[in-house]
Amino acid sequence: MTDSTLPRHIAVIMDGNGRWAQQRGLARSEGHRAGAGAVCALVRECRALGIPFVTLYAFSRENWQRPQTEVSFLFELFTRFVREELPGLLEQDIRLSMIGERTDLPFAARRAMDYAIQRTAACRGMVLTLALSYSGREEIVRAARALAATGLPPGEWTEESFRRGLYDPDLPDPDLLIRTSGELRISNFLLFQSAYTELYFSPGLWPDFDAAALREALQSYAERRRRFGRVEDDRDRHGEGDAGGSGQ
């Protein structure tokens, strides 16, 4: 695995915190706490490898249907996480961003997120995007409404004009999407952006996803040949061409 075969943008569905806790006879809150530690480890490793974009599915719109006690704990944990990790983000030159419905967030979480985004705005080493109160379908509907509101005739709509209505139109499409816990679905995450994304499903639960597990995912990605609908040519067969993630 070389720099040329690393993905430019990794997206992660962090699944399995509750099952991790259940297997150990612990409360679900302890699984979420352990999952937060795995987030820190993943971000550090991606930064060390020089991966410029990481997007984490932290809380979906559907997650609001969970018990209120669990939702409240999650956002208390999130608020502490953002405040405690902010110095480390600045030290590592990581810019924090968010996609999703910001106004849905509890006030303390929204304030912590806004402050961290403002403080890290000048960082250039990596962009860490958190998907909070996020729904891929809702994002598509939202973008369609925004484009319709411009008055542009539907016959003149393009992928690029549609993209301007996404939560973060400048965020590149993910090259690699990782999901933990063995579930084989993408659960309404980055539906528009993942048209040509390579998928990797890890059998382990999220709190156990460490640097070794990340490198296994990256090795799997490095061995694939991304053709984006093109006919395979000699360069593809010999491992050249668009194997790297930056060719999208």
C-alpha atoms as a PDB file:
ATOM      1  CA  MET A   1       0.000   0.000   0.000  1.00  0.00           C
ATOM      2  CA  THR A   2       1.450   3.338  -1.083  1.00  0.00           C
ATOM      3  CA  ASP A   3       0.356   6.965  -0.968  1.00  0.00           C
ATOM      4  CA  SER A   4      -0.917   6.623  -4.542  1.00  0.00           C
ATOM      5  CA  THR A   5      -3.308   3.827  -3.529  1.00  0.00           C
ATOM      6  CA  LEU A   6      -4.715   5.516  -0.424  1.00  0.00           C
ATOM      7  CA  PRO A   7      -8.257   6.860  -0.696  1.00  0.00           C
ATOM      8  CA  ARG A   8      -8.627  10.612  -0.660  1.00  0.00           C
ATOM      9  CA  HIS A   9     -11.907  10.450   1.248  1.00  0.00           C
ATOM     10  CA  ILE A  10     -12.992   7.755   3.703  1.00  0.00           C
ATOM     11  CA  ALA A  11     -16.564   7.606   4.996  1.00  0.00           C
ATOM     12  CA  VAL A  12     -17.429   5.394   7.960  1.00  0.00           C
ATOM     13  CA  ILE A  13     -20.679   3.959   9.305  1.00  0.00           C
ATOM     14  CA  MET A  14     -19.756   3.315  12.924  1.00  0.00           C
ATOM     15  CA  ASP A  15     -22.017   0.423  13.898  1.00  0.00           C
ATOM     16  CA  GLY A  16     -22.027  -1.960  16.837  1.00  0.00           C
ATOM     17  CA  ASN A  17     -21.602   0.079  20.024  1.00  0.00           C
ATOM     18  CA  GLY A  18     -24.699  -1.402  21.640  1.00  0.00           C
ATOM     19  CA  ARG A  19     -23.825  -4.987  20.754  1.00  0.00           C
ATOM     20  CA  TRP A  20     -20.267  -4.443  21.994  1.00  0.00           C
ATOM     21  CA  ALA A  21     -21.635  -3.397  25.393  1.00  0.00           C
ATOM     22  CA  GLN A  22     -24.220  -6.183  25.478  1.00  0.00           C
ATOM     23  CA  GLN A  23     -21.571  -8.845  24.846  1.00  0.00           C
ATOM     24  CA  ARG A  24     -19.728  -7.567  27.922  1.00  0.00           C
ATOM     25  CA  GLY A  25     -22.761  -7.217  30.175  1.00  0.00           C
ATOM     26  CA  LEU A  26     -22.458  -3.429  30.132  1.00  0.00           C
ATOM     27  CA  ALA A  27     -24.933  -0.621  29.605  1.00  0.00           C
ATOM     28  CA  ARG A  28     -25.315   0.659  26.042  1.00  0.00           C
ATOM     29  CA  SER A  29     -23.835   3.961  27.222  1.00  0.00           C
ATOM     30  CA  GLU A  30     -20.524   2.188  27.860  1.00  0.00           C
ATOM     31  CA  GLY A  31     -20.533   0.976  24.266  1.00  0.00           C
ATOM     32  CA  HIS A  32     -21.012   4.522  23.026  1.00  0.00           C
ATOM     33  CA  ARG A  33     -18.207   5.702  25.301  1.00  0.00           C
ATOM     34  CA  ALA A  34     -15.885   3.032  23.896  1.00  0.00           C
ATOM     35  CA  GLY A  35     -16.990   4.004  20.392  1.00  0.00           C
ATOM     36  CA  ALA A  36     -15.895   7.588  21.024  1.00  0.00           C
ATOM     37  CA  GLY A  37     -12.436   6.282  21.838  1.00  0.00           C
ATOM     38  CA  ALA A  38     -12.380   4.406  18.524  1.00  0.00           C
ATOM     39  CA  VAL A  39     -13.232   7.667  16.741  1.00  0.00           C
ATOM     40  CA  CYS A  40     -10.176   9.360  18.250  1.00  0.00           C
ATOM     41  CA  ALA A  41      -7.942   6.464  17.212  1.00  0.00           C
ATOM     42  CA  LEU A  42      -9.302   6.431  13.655  1.00  0.00           C
ATOM     43  CA  VAL A  43      -8.850  10.167  13.201  1.00  0.00           C
ATOM     44  CA  ARG A  44      -5.266  10.050  14.480  1.00  0.00           C
ATOM     45  CA  GLU A  45      -4.390   7.159  12.176  1.00  0.00           C
ATOM     46  CA  CYS A  46      -5.981   8.764   9.104  1.00  0.00           C
ATOM     47  CA  ARG A  47      -4.169  12.007   9.841  1.00  0.00           C
ATOM     48  CA  ALA A  48      -0.857  10.157  10.198  1.00  0.00           C
ATOM     49  CA  LEU A  49      -1.445   8.422   6.865  1.00  0.00           C
ATOM     50  CA  GLY A  50      -2.198  11.726   5.152  1.00  0.00           C
ATOM     51  CA  ILE A  51      -5.824  10.992   4.216  1.00  0.00           C
ATOM     52  CA  PRO A  52      -7.335  14.445   3.623  1.00  0.00           C
ATOM     53  CA  PHE A  53     -11.061  13.762   4.163  1.00  0.00           C
ATOM     54  CA  VAL A  54     -12.823  11.605   6.754  1.00  0.00           C
ATOM     55  CA  THR A  55     -16.606  11.599   7.202  1.00  0.00           C
ATOM     56  CA  LEU A  56     -18.249   9.792  10.120  1.00  0.00           C
ATOM     57  CA  TYR A  57     -21.921   8.817  10.370  1.00  0.00           C
ATOM     58  CA  ALA A  58     -22.392   9.898  13.969  1.00  0.00           C
ATOM     59  CA  PHE A  59     -26.197  10.228  14.300  1.00  0.00           C
ATOM     60  CA  SER A  60     -28.884   9.600  11.691  1.00  0.00           C
ATOM     61  CA  ARG A  61     -32.331  11.179  11.456  1.00  0.00           C
ATOM     62  CA  GLU A  62     -33.709   7.733  12.266  1.00  0.00           C
ATOM     63  CA  ASN A  63     -31.706   7.637  15.503  1.00  0.00           C
ATOM     64  CA  TRP A  64     -34.081  10.174  17.033  1.00  0.00           C
ATOM     65  CA  GLN A  65     -36.480   7.227  17.452  1.00  0.00           C
ATOM     66  CA  ARG A  66     -34.200   5.648  20.063  1.00  0.00           C
ATOM     67  CA  PRO A  67     -35.103   5.934  23.780  1.00  0.00           C
ATOM     68  CA  GLN A  68     -34.808   9.522  24.982  1.00  0.00           C
ATOM     69  CA  THR A  69     -32.334   8.565  27.700  1.00  0.00           C
ATOM     70  CA  GLU A  70     -29.974   7.089  25.099  1.00  0.00           C
ATOM     71  CA  VAL A  71     -30.328  10.084  22.768  1.00  0.00           C
ATOM     72  CA  SER A  72     -29.629  12.489  25.638  1.00  0.00           C
ATOM     73  CA  PHE A  73     -26.539  10.521  26.646  1.00  0.00           C
ATOM     74  CA  LEU A  74     -25.273  10.443  23.061  1.00  0.00           C
ATOM     75  CA  PHE A  75     -25.424  14.201  22.723  1.00  0.00           C
ATOM     76  CA  GLU A  76     -23.898  14.762  26.153  1.00  0.00           C
ATOM     77  CA  LEU A  77     -21.072  12.464  25.086  1.00  0.00           C
ATOM     78  CA  PHE A  78     -20.794  14.244  21.749  1.00  0.00           C
ATOM     79  CA  THR A  79     -20.631  17.673  23.412  1.00  0.00           C
ATOM     80  CA  ARG A  80     -17.856  16.532  25.764  1.00  0.00           C
ATOM     81  CA  PHE A  81     -16.039  14.853  22.888  1.00  0.00           C
ATOM     82  CA  VAL A  82     -15.989  18.028  20.777  1.00  0.00           C
ATOM     83  CA  ARG A  83     -14.830  20.210  23.668  1.00  0.00           C
ATOM     84  CA  GLU A  84     -12.146  17.799  24.853  1.00  0.00           C
ATOM     85  CA  GLU A  85     -10.814  16.972  21.389  1.00  0.00           C
ATOM     86  CA  LEU A  86     -10.708  20.542  20.078  1.00  0.00           C
ATOM     87  CA  PRO A  87      -7.084  21.165  21.227  1.00  0.00           C
ATOM     88  CA  GLY A  88      -6.023  17.959  19.494  1.00  0.00           C
ATOM     89  CA  LEU A  89      -7.796  18.923  16.293  1.00  0.00           C
ATOM     90  CA  LEU A  90      -5.993  22.251  16.275  1.00  0.00           C
ATOM     91  CA  GLU A  91      -2.649  20.605  17.027  1.00  0.00           C
ATOM     92  CA  GLN A  92      -3.135  18.131  14.167  1.00  0.00           C
ATOM     93  CA  ASP A  93      -4.347  20.873  11.777  1.00  0.00           C
ATOM     94  CA  ILE A  94      -7.770  19.203  11.359  1.00  0.00           C
ATOM     95  CA  ARG A  95     -10.794  21.231  10.284  1.00  0.00           C
ATOM     96  CA  LEU A  96     -14.124  20.124  11.718  1.00  0.00           C
ATOM     97  CA  SER A  97     -17.253  20.224   9.584  1.00  0.00           C
ATOM     98  CA  MET A  98     -20.823  18.959   9.782  1.00  0.00           C
ATOM     99  CA  ILE A  99     -23.504  17.668   7.422  1.00  0.00           C
ATOM    100  CA  GLY A 100     -27.104  17.155   8.499  1.00  0.00           C
ATOM    101  CA  GLU A 101     -29.871  19.210  10.067  1.00  0.00           C
ATOM    102  CA  ARG A 102     -27.997  21.498  12.432  1.00  0.00           C
ATOM    103  CA  THR A 103     -31.170  22.970  13.939  1.00  0.00           C
ATOM    104  CA  ASP A 104     -32.233  19.509  15.173  1.00  0.00           C
ATOM    105  CA  LEU A 105     -29.315  19.324  17.600  1.00  0.00           C
ATOM    106  CA  PRO A 106     -29.721  20.145  21.299  1.00  0.00           C
ATOM    107  CA  PHE A 107     -28.536  23.653  22.118  1.00  0.00           C
ATOM    108  CA  ALA A 108     -25.368  22.620  23.987  1.00  0.00           C
ATOM    109  CA  ALA A 109     -24.286  20.236  21.222  1.00  0.00           C
ATOM    110  CA  ARG A 110     -25.023  22.825  18.530  1.00  0.00           C
ATOM    111  CA  ARG A 111     -23.073  25.499  20.384  1.00  0.00           C
ATOM    112  CA  ALA A 112     -20.075  23.193  20.925  1.00  0.00           C
ATOM    113  CA  MET A 113     -20.113  22.159  17.276  1.00  0.00           C
ATOM    114  CA  ASP A 114     -20.385  25.728  16.003  1.00  0.00           C
ATOM    115  CA  TYR A 115     -17.519  26.842  18.222  1.00  0.00           C
ATOM    116  CA  ALA A 116     -15.253  23.967  17.136  1.00  0.00           C
ATOM    117  CA  ILE A 117     -16.052  24.596  13.457  1.00  0.00           C
ATOM    118  CA  GLN A 118     -15.175  28.267  13.886  1.00  0.00           C
ATOM    119  CA  ARG A 119     -11.942  27.565  15.779  1.00  0.00           C
ATOM    120  CA  THR A 120     -10.699  25.010  13.249  1.00  0.00           C
ATOM    121  CA  ALA A 121     -11.776  26.904  10.116  1.00  0.00           C
ATOM    122  CA  ALA A 122      -8.185  27.760   9.167  1.00  0.00           C
ATOM    123  CA  CYS A 123      -6.868  24.187   9.539  1.00  0.00           C
ATOM    124  CA  ARG A 124      -5.704  22.570   6.307  1.00  0.00           C
ATOM    125  CA  GLY A 125      -4.252  19.169   7.207  1.00  0.00           C
ATOM    126  CA  MET A 126      -7.498  17.195   7.103  1.00  0.00           C
ATOM    127  CA  VAL A 127     -11.253  17.740   7.038  1.00  0.00           C
ATOM    128  CA  LEU A 128     -13.211  15.722   9.612  1.00  0.00           C
ATOM    129  CA  THR A 129     -16.925  15.822   8.810  1.00  0.00           C
ATOM    130  CA  LEU A 130     -19.537  14.584  11.260  1.00  0.00           C
ATOM    131  CA  ALA A 131     -22.926  13.534   9.888  1.00  0.00           C
ATOM    132  CA  LEU A 132     -25.414  14.511  12.594  1.00  0.00           C
ATOM    133  CA  SER A 133     -29.188  14.239  12.281  1.00  0.00           C
ATOM    134  CA  TYR A 134     -28.355  13.181   8.743  1.00  0.00           C
ATOM    135  CA  SER A 135     -30.451  11.405   6.101  1.00  0.00           C
ATOM    136  CA  GLY A 136     -29.231  10.755   2.570  1.00  0.00           C
ATOM    137  CA  ARG A 137     -32.755  10.770   1.174  1.00  0.00           C
ATOM    138  CA  GLU A 138     -33.597  14.002   2.961  1.00  0.00           C
ATOM    139  CA  GLU A 139     -30.409  15.567   1.596  1.00  0.00           C
ATOM    140  CA  ILE A 140     -31.470  14.655  -1.960  1.00  0.00           C
ATOM    141  CA  VAL A 141     -34.964  16.091  -1.440  1.00  0.00           C
ATOM    142  CA  ARG A 142     -33.431  19.211   0.089  1.00  0.00           C
ATOM    143  CA  ALA A 143     -31.086  19.678  -2.875  1.00  0.00           C
ATOM    144  CA  ALA A 144     -33.940  19.203  -5.363  1.00  0.00           C
ATOM    145  CA  ARG A 145     -36.029  21.830  -3.592  1.00  0.00           C
ATOM    146  CA  ALA A 146     -33.117  24.250  -3.546  1.00  0.00           C
ATOM    147  CA  LEU A 147     -32.513  23.778  -7.254  1.00  0.00           C
ATOM    148  CA  ALA A 148     -36.210  24.148  -8.092  1.00  0.00           C
ATOM    149  CA  ALA A 149     -36.293  27.386  -6.094  1.00  0.00           C
ATOM    150  CA  THR A 150     -33.652  28.918  -8.358  1.00  0.00           C
ATOM    151  CA  GLY A 151     -36.120  28.896 -11.234  1.00  0.00           C
ATOM    152  CA  LEU A 152     -33.726  27.034 -13.512  1.00  0.00           C
ATOM    153  CA  PRO A 153     -35.771  25.023 -16.053  1.00  0.00           C
ATOM    154  CA  PRO A 154     -35.618  21.277 -15.237  1.00  0.00           C
ATOM    155  CA  GLY A 155     -34.199  20.596 -18.685  1.00  0.00           C
ATOM    156  CA  GLU A 156     -31.100  22.584 -17.704  1.00  0.00           C
ATOM    157  CA  TRP A 157     -30.480  20.798 -14.415  1.00  0.00           C
ATOM    158  CA  THR A 158     -27.139  19.006 -14.172  1.00  0.00           C
ATOM    159  CA  GLU A 159     -25.388  16.892 -11.584  1.00  0.00           C
ATOM    160  CA  GLU A 160     -23.203  19.863 -10.700  1.00  0.00           C
ATOM    161  CA  SER A 161     -26.104  22.276 -10.276  1.00  0.00           C
ATOM    162  CA  PHE A 162     -27.873  19.661  -8.140  1.00  0.00           C
ATOM    163  CA  ARG A 163     -24.733  19.146  -6.061  1.00  0.00           C
ATOM    164  CA  ARG A 164     -24.759  22.805  -5.015  1.00  0.00           C
ATOM    165  CA  GLY A 165     -27.796  22.024  -2.867  1.00  0.00           C
ATOM    166  CA  LEU A 166     -26.084  19.322  -0.827  1.00  0.00           C
ATOM    167  CA  TYR A 167     -25.095  20.005   2.769  1.00  0.00           C
ATOM    168  CA  ASP A 168     -21.455  20.403   1.744  1.00  0.00           C
ATOM    169  CA  PRO A 169     -21.182  20.667  -2.049  1.00  0.00           C
ATOM    170  CA  ASP A 170     -17.397  21.004  -1.887  1.00  0.00           C
ATOM    171  CA  LEU A 171     -16.886  17.733  -0.029  1.00  0.00           C
ATOM    172  CA  PRO A 172     -15.472  15.232  -2.555  1.00  0.00           C
ATOM    173  CA  ASP A 173     -17.305  11.960  -3.094  1.00  0.00           C
ATOM    174  CA  PRO A 174     -16.027   9.216  -0.783  1.00  0.00           C
ATOM    175  CA  ASP A 175     -13.584   6.795  -2.365  1.00  0.00           C
ATOM    176  CA  LEU A 176     -14.046   4.187   0.354  1.00  0.00           C
ATOM    177  CA  LEU A 177     -17.030   3.607   2.636  1.00  0.00           C
ATOM    178  CA  ILE A 178     -16.408   1.370   5.647  1.00  0.00           C
ATOM    179  CA  ARG A 179     -19.158  -0.168   7.737  1.00  0.00           C
ATOM    180  CA  THR A 180     -18.478  -2.137  10.885  1.00  0.00           C
ATOM    181  CA  SER A 181     -20.477  -4.865  12.706  1.00  0.00           C
ATOM    182  CA  GLY A 182     -20.963  -7.129   9.682  1.00  0.00           C
ATOM    183  CA  GLU A 183     -24.137  -5.434   8.434  1.00  0.00           C
ATOM    184  CA  LEU A 184     -24.201  -5.270   4.626  1.00  0.00           C
ATOM    185  CA  ARG A 185     -26.012  -2.009   3.887  1.00  0.00           C
ATOM    186  CA  ILE A 186     -25.274   1.720   3.754  1.00  0.00           C
ATOM    187  CA  SER A 187     -28.293   2.844   5.815  1.00  0.00           C
ATOM    188  CA  ASN A 188     -29.253   6.068   4.058  1.00  0.00           C
ATOM    189  CA  PHE A 189     -25.716   7.481   4.189  1.00  0.00           C
ATOM    190  CA  LEU A 190     -24.282   9.681   1.399  1.00  0.00           C
ATOM    191  CA  LEU A 191     -26.619   8.194  -1.205  1.00  0.00           C
ATOM    192  CA  PHE A 192     -25.929  10.769  -3.914  1.00  0.00           C
ATOM    193  CA  GLN A 193     -22.197  10.943  -3.243  1.00  0.00           C
ATOM    194  CA  SER A 194     -21.551   7.177  -3.124  1.00  0.00           C
ATOM    195  CA  ALA A 195     -22.449   6.285  -6.734  1.00  0.00           C
ATOM    196  CA  TYR A 196     -18.926   4.963  -7.410  1.00  0.00           C
ATOM    197  CA  THR A 197     -17.679   4.504  -3.864  1.00  0.00           C
ATOM    198  CA  GLU A 198     -15.882   1.280  -2.974  1.00  0.00           C
ATOM    199  CA  LEU A 199     -17.628  -0.516  -0.088  1.00  0.00           C
ATOM    200  CA  TYR A 200     -15.883  -2.414   2.700  1.00  0.00           C
ATOM    201  CA  PHE A 201     -17.792  -4.305   5.383  1.00  0.00           C
ATOM    202  CA  SER A 202     -15.870  -5.168   8.522  1.00  0.00           C
ATOM    203  CA  PRO A 203     -17.202  -7.991  10.734  1.00  0.00           C
ATOM    204  CA  GLY A 204     -15.940  -6.376  13.941  1.00  0.00           C
ATOM    205  CA  LEU A 205     -17.923  -4.014  16.134  1.00  0.00           C
ATOM    206  CA  TRP A 206     -17.060  -0.332  16.035  1.00  0.00           C
ATOM    207  CA  PRO A 207     -15.324  -0.007  19.449  1.00  0.00           C
ATOM    208  CA  ASP A 208     -12.895  -2.735  18.325  1.00  0.00           C
ATOM    209  CA  PHE A 209     -12.072  -1.050  15.003  1.00  0.00           C
ATOM    210  CA  ASP A 210      -8.418  -0.149  15.499  1.00  0.00           C
ATOM    211  CA  ALA A 211      -5.445   0.833  13.335  1.00  0.00           C
ATOM    212  CA  ALA A 212      -4.950  -2.771  12.200  1.00  0.00           C
ATOM    213  CA  ALA A 213      -8.589  -3.015  11.077  1.00  0.00           C
ATOM    214  CA  LEU A 214      -8.267   0.274   9.202  1.00  0.00           C
ATOM    215  CA  ARG A 215      -5.169  -0.944   7.413  1.00  0.00           C
ATOM    216  CA  GLU A 216      -6.987  -4.124   6.364  1.00  0.00           C
ATOM    217  CA  ALA A 217      -9.716  -1.961   4.820  1.00  0.00           C
ATOM    218  CA  LEU A 218      -7.141   0.225   3.090  1.00  0.00           C
ATOM    219  CA  GLN A 219      -5.289  -2.813   1.765  1.00  0.00           C
ATOM    220  CA  SER A 220      -8.529  -4.170   0.321  1.00  0.00           C
ATOM    221  CA  TYR A 221      -9.143  -0.806  -1.337  1.00  0.00           C
ATOM    222  CA  ALA A 222      -5.601  -0.656  -2.733  1.00  0.00           C
ATOM    223  CA  GLU A 223      -6.083  -4.017  -4.445  1.00  0.00           C
ATOM    224  CA  ARG A 224      -9.209  -2.930  -6.319  1.00  0.00           C
ATOM    225  CA  ARG A 225      -9.391  -1.406  -9.796  1.00  0.00           C
ATOM    226  CA  ARG A 226     -11.764   1.521 -10.061  1.00  0.00           C
ATOM    227  CA  ARG A 227     -13.082   1.909 -13.599  1.00  0.00           C
ATOM    228  CA  PHE A 228     -16.094   4.224 -13.075  1.00  0.00           C
ATOM    229  CA  GLY A 229     -18.023   2.458 -15.849  1.00  0.00           C
ATOM    230  CA  ARG A 230     -15.110   2.481 -18.309  1.00  0.00           C
ATOM    231  CA  VAL A 231     -13.928  -0.574 -20.185  1.00  0.00           C
ATOM    232  CA  GLU A 232     -10.893  -2.098 -18.482  1.00  0.00           C
ATOM    233  CA  ASP A 233      -7.686  -1.438 -20.419  1.00  0.00           C
ATOM    234  CA  ASP A 234      -4.132  -2.736 -20.170  1.00  0.00           C
ATOM    235  CA  ARG A 235      -3.192  -0.169 -17.550  1.00  0.00           C
ATOM    236  CA  ASP A 236      -6.041  -1.365 -15.307  1.00  0.00           C
ATOM    237  CA  ARG A 237      -5.016  -5.003 -15.716  1.00  0.00           C
ATOM    238  CA  HIS A 238      -1.465  -4.186 -14.736  1.00  0.00           C
ATOM    239  CA  GLY A 239      -2.538  -2.301 -11.614  1.00  0.00           C
ATOM    240  CA  GLU A 240      -2.057   1.188 -13.011  1.00  0.00           C
ATOM    241  CA  GLY A 241      -4.596   3.779 -14.032  1.00  0.00           C
ATOM    242  CA  ASP A 242      -7.257   4.726 -11.502  1.00  0.00           C
ATOM    243  CA  ALA A 243      -6.443   2.417  -8.600  1.00  0.00           C
ATOM    244  CA  GLY A 244      -5.925   5.422  -6.345  1.00  0.00           C
ATOM    245  CA  GLY A 245      -8.792   7.272  -4.758  1.00  0.00           C
ATOM    246  CA  SER A 246      -8.066  10.730  -6.106  1.00  0.00           C
ATOM    247  CA  GLY A 247      -9.196   9.958  -9.639  1.00  0.00           C
ATOM    248  CA  GLN A 248     -12.883  10.600  -9.135  1.00  0.00           C
END
